[in-house]
Amino acid sequence: MEKSGRILCCVRPENYAWHAGTTAATGRSPYWQRHNANTQTIGIEVEGFAGRGDFTPAQLDACERLAVGLTRKY
């Protein structure tokens, strides 16, 4: 998500982006597909740094709209 609030889709929600890695408990075992958070989550990347508090009002509004839309769909 850009500072302007523009939302870009890099990976369709029905596909896996592998943004969350594997869990420490399962590592890279043959069972990763059942235990990996990537198969059950959608990652949202926001331009900026949360620790600096530099997310714009447009980004926060867009995040809210996106989260509401995804919640309704899934």
C-alpha atoms as a PDB file:
ATOM      1  CA  MET A   1       0.000   0.000   0.000  1.00  0.00           C
ATOM      2  CA  GLU A   2       1.434   3.302  -1.081  1.00  0.00           C
ATOM      3  CA  LYS A   3       1.603   6.455   1.041  1.00  0.00           C
ATOM      4  CA  SER A   4      -1.216   7.865  -1.098  1.00  0.00           C
ATOM      5  CA  GLY A   5      -3.465   4.987   0.022  1.00  0.00           C
ATOM      6  CA  ARG A   6      -3.296   3.299  -3.374  1.00  0.00           C
ATOM      7  CA  ILE A   7      -3.663  -0.463  -2.958  1.00  0.00           C
ATOM      8  CA  LEU A   8      -1.624  -2.748  -5.196  1.00  0.00           C
ATOM      9  CA  CYS A   9      -2.263  -6.471  -5.465  1.00  0.00           C
ATOM     10  CA  CYS A  10       0.942  -8.428  -6.022  1.00  0.00           C
ATOM     11  CA  VAL A  11      -0.485 -11.888  -5.305  1.00  0.00           C
ATOM     12  CA  ARG A  12      -4.111 -12.900  -5.688  1.00  0.00           C
ATOM     13  CA  PRO A  13      -5.743 -13.841  -2.358  1.00  0.00           C
ATOM     14  CA  GLU A  14      -6.370 -17.415  -3.562  1.00  0.00           C
ATOM     15  CA  ASN A  15      -2.610 -17.908  -4.113  1.00  0.00           C
ATOM     16  CA  TYR A  16       0.182 -18.157  -1.545  1.00  0.00           C
ATOM     17  CA  ALA A  17       2.691 -15.319  -1.201  1.00  0.00           C
ATOM     18  CA  TRP A  18       4.895 -17.170   1.332  1.00  0.00           C
ATOM     19  CA  HIS A  19       5.186 -13.948   3.321  1.00  0.00           C
ATOM     20  CA  ALA A  20       4.956 -15.514   6.782  1.00  0.00           C
ATOM     21  CA  GLY A  21       7.663 -18.178   6.540  1.00  0.00           C
ATOM     22  CA  THR A  22       7.325 -21.451   8.401  1.00  0.00           C
ATOM     23  CA  THR A  23       6.531 -21.881  12.063  1.00  0.00           C
ATOM     24  CA  ALA A  24       9.372 -22.719  14.430  1.00  0.00           C
ATOM     25  CA  ALA A  25       7.557 -25.841  15.627  1.00  0.00           C
ATOM     26  CA  THR A  26       7.320 -27.420  12.182  1.00  0.00           C
ATOM     27  CA  GLY A  27      10.414 -26.005  10.497  1.00  0.00           C
ATOM     28  CA  ARG A  28      10.599 -27.298   6.960  1.00  0.00           C
ATOM     29  CA  SER A  29       9.168 -30.736   7.659  1.00  0.00           C
ATOM     30  CA  PRO A  30       7.146 -32.713   5.083  1.00  0.00           C
ATOM     31  CA  TYR A  31       4.055 -31.470   6.908  1.00  0.00           C
ATOM     32  CA  TRP A  32       4.641 -27.774   6.188  1.00  0.00           C
ATOM     33  CA  GLN A  33       1.481 -27.426   4.099  1.00  0.00           C
ATOM     34  CA  ARG A  34      -0.708 -28.247   7.104  1.00  0.00           C
ATOM     35  CA  HIS A  35       1.254 -26.164   9.592  1.00  0.00           C
ATOM     36  CA  ASN A  36       2.334 -23.131   7.602  1.00  0.00           C
ATOM     37  CA  ALA A  37       0.582 -19.816   8.278  1.00  0.00           C
ATOM     38  CA  ASN A  38       0.865 -18.823   4.612  1.00  0.00           C
ATOM     39  CA  THR A  39      -1.958 -21.191   3.670  1.00  0.00           C
ATOM     40  CA  GLN A  40      -4.351 -19.411   6.043  1.00  0.00           C
ATOM     41  CA  THR A  41      -3.328 -15.745   5.915  1.00  0.00           C
ATOM     42  CA  ILE A  42      -3.234 -12.772   3.564  1.00  0.00           C
ATOM     43  CA  GLY A  43      -0.233 -10.467   3.952  1.00  0.00           C
ATOM     44  CA  ILE A  44      -0.620  -6.710   3.660  1.00  0.00           C
ATOM     45  CA  GLU A  45       2.521  -4.642   3.104  1.00  0.00           C
ATOM     46  CA  VAL A  46       2.308  -0.944   3.933  1.00  0.00           C
ATOM     47  CA  GLU A  47       4.897   1.554   2.684  1.00  0.00           C
ATOM     48  CA  GLY A  48       6.686   3.226   5.587  1.00  0.00           C
ATOM     49  CA  PHE A  49       7.828   2.282   9.066  1.00  0.00           C
ATOM     50  CA  ALA A  50       5.365   1.556  11.865  1.00  0.00           C
ATOM     51  CA  GLY A  51       7.982   2.324  14.515  1.00  0.00           C
ATOM     52  CA  ARG A  52       8.338   5.848  13.184  1.00  0.00           C
ATOM     53  CA  GLY A  53       4.616   6.479  13.048  1.00  0.00           C
ATOM     54  CA  ASP A  54       4.833   7.650   9.455  1.00  0.00           C
ATOM     55  CA  PHE A  55       1.777   5.887   8.050  1.00  0.00           C
ATOM     56  CA  THR A  56      -0.418   8.470   6.356  1.00  0.00           C
ATOM     57  CA  PRO A  57      -4.124   9.003   7.048  1.00  0.00           C
ATOM     58  CA  ALA A  58      -4.779   7.789   3.486  1.00  0.00           C
ATOM     59  CA  GLN A  59      -2.928   4.531   4.242  1.00  0.00           C
ATOM     60  CA  LEU A  60      -4.827   3.987   7.473  1.00  0.00           C
ATOM     61  CA  ASP A  61      -8.159   4.564   5.723  1.00  0.00           C
ATOM     62  CA  ALA A  62      -7.173   2.215   2.897  1.00  0.00           C
ATOM     63  CA  CYS A  63      -6.058  -0.462   5.405  1.00  0.00           C
ATOM     64  CA  GLU A  64      -9.414  -0.256   7.114  1.00  0.00           C
ATOM     65  CA  ARG A  65     -11.325  -0.551   3.828  1.00  0.00           C
ATOM     66  CA  LEU A  66      -9.148  -3.462   2.712  1.00  0.00           C
ATOM     67  CA  ALA A  67      -9.504  -5.318   6.017  1.00  0.00           C
ATOM     68  CA  VAL A  68     -13.292  -4.857   6.012  1.00  0.00           C
ATOM     69  CA  GLY A  69     -13.532  -6.044   2.407  1.00  0.00           C
ATOM     70  CA  LEU A  70     -11.361  -9.112   3.001  1.00  0.00           C
ATOM     71  CA  THR A  71     -13.255  -9.958   6.196  1.00  0.00           C
ATOM     72  CA  ARG A  72     -16.558  -9.840   4.343  1.00  0.00           C
ATOM     73  CA  LYS A  73     -15.233 -12.001   1.519  1.00  0.00           C
ATOM     74  CA  TYR A  74     -13.470 -14.616   3.629  1.00  0.00           C
END
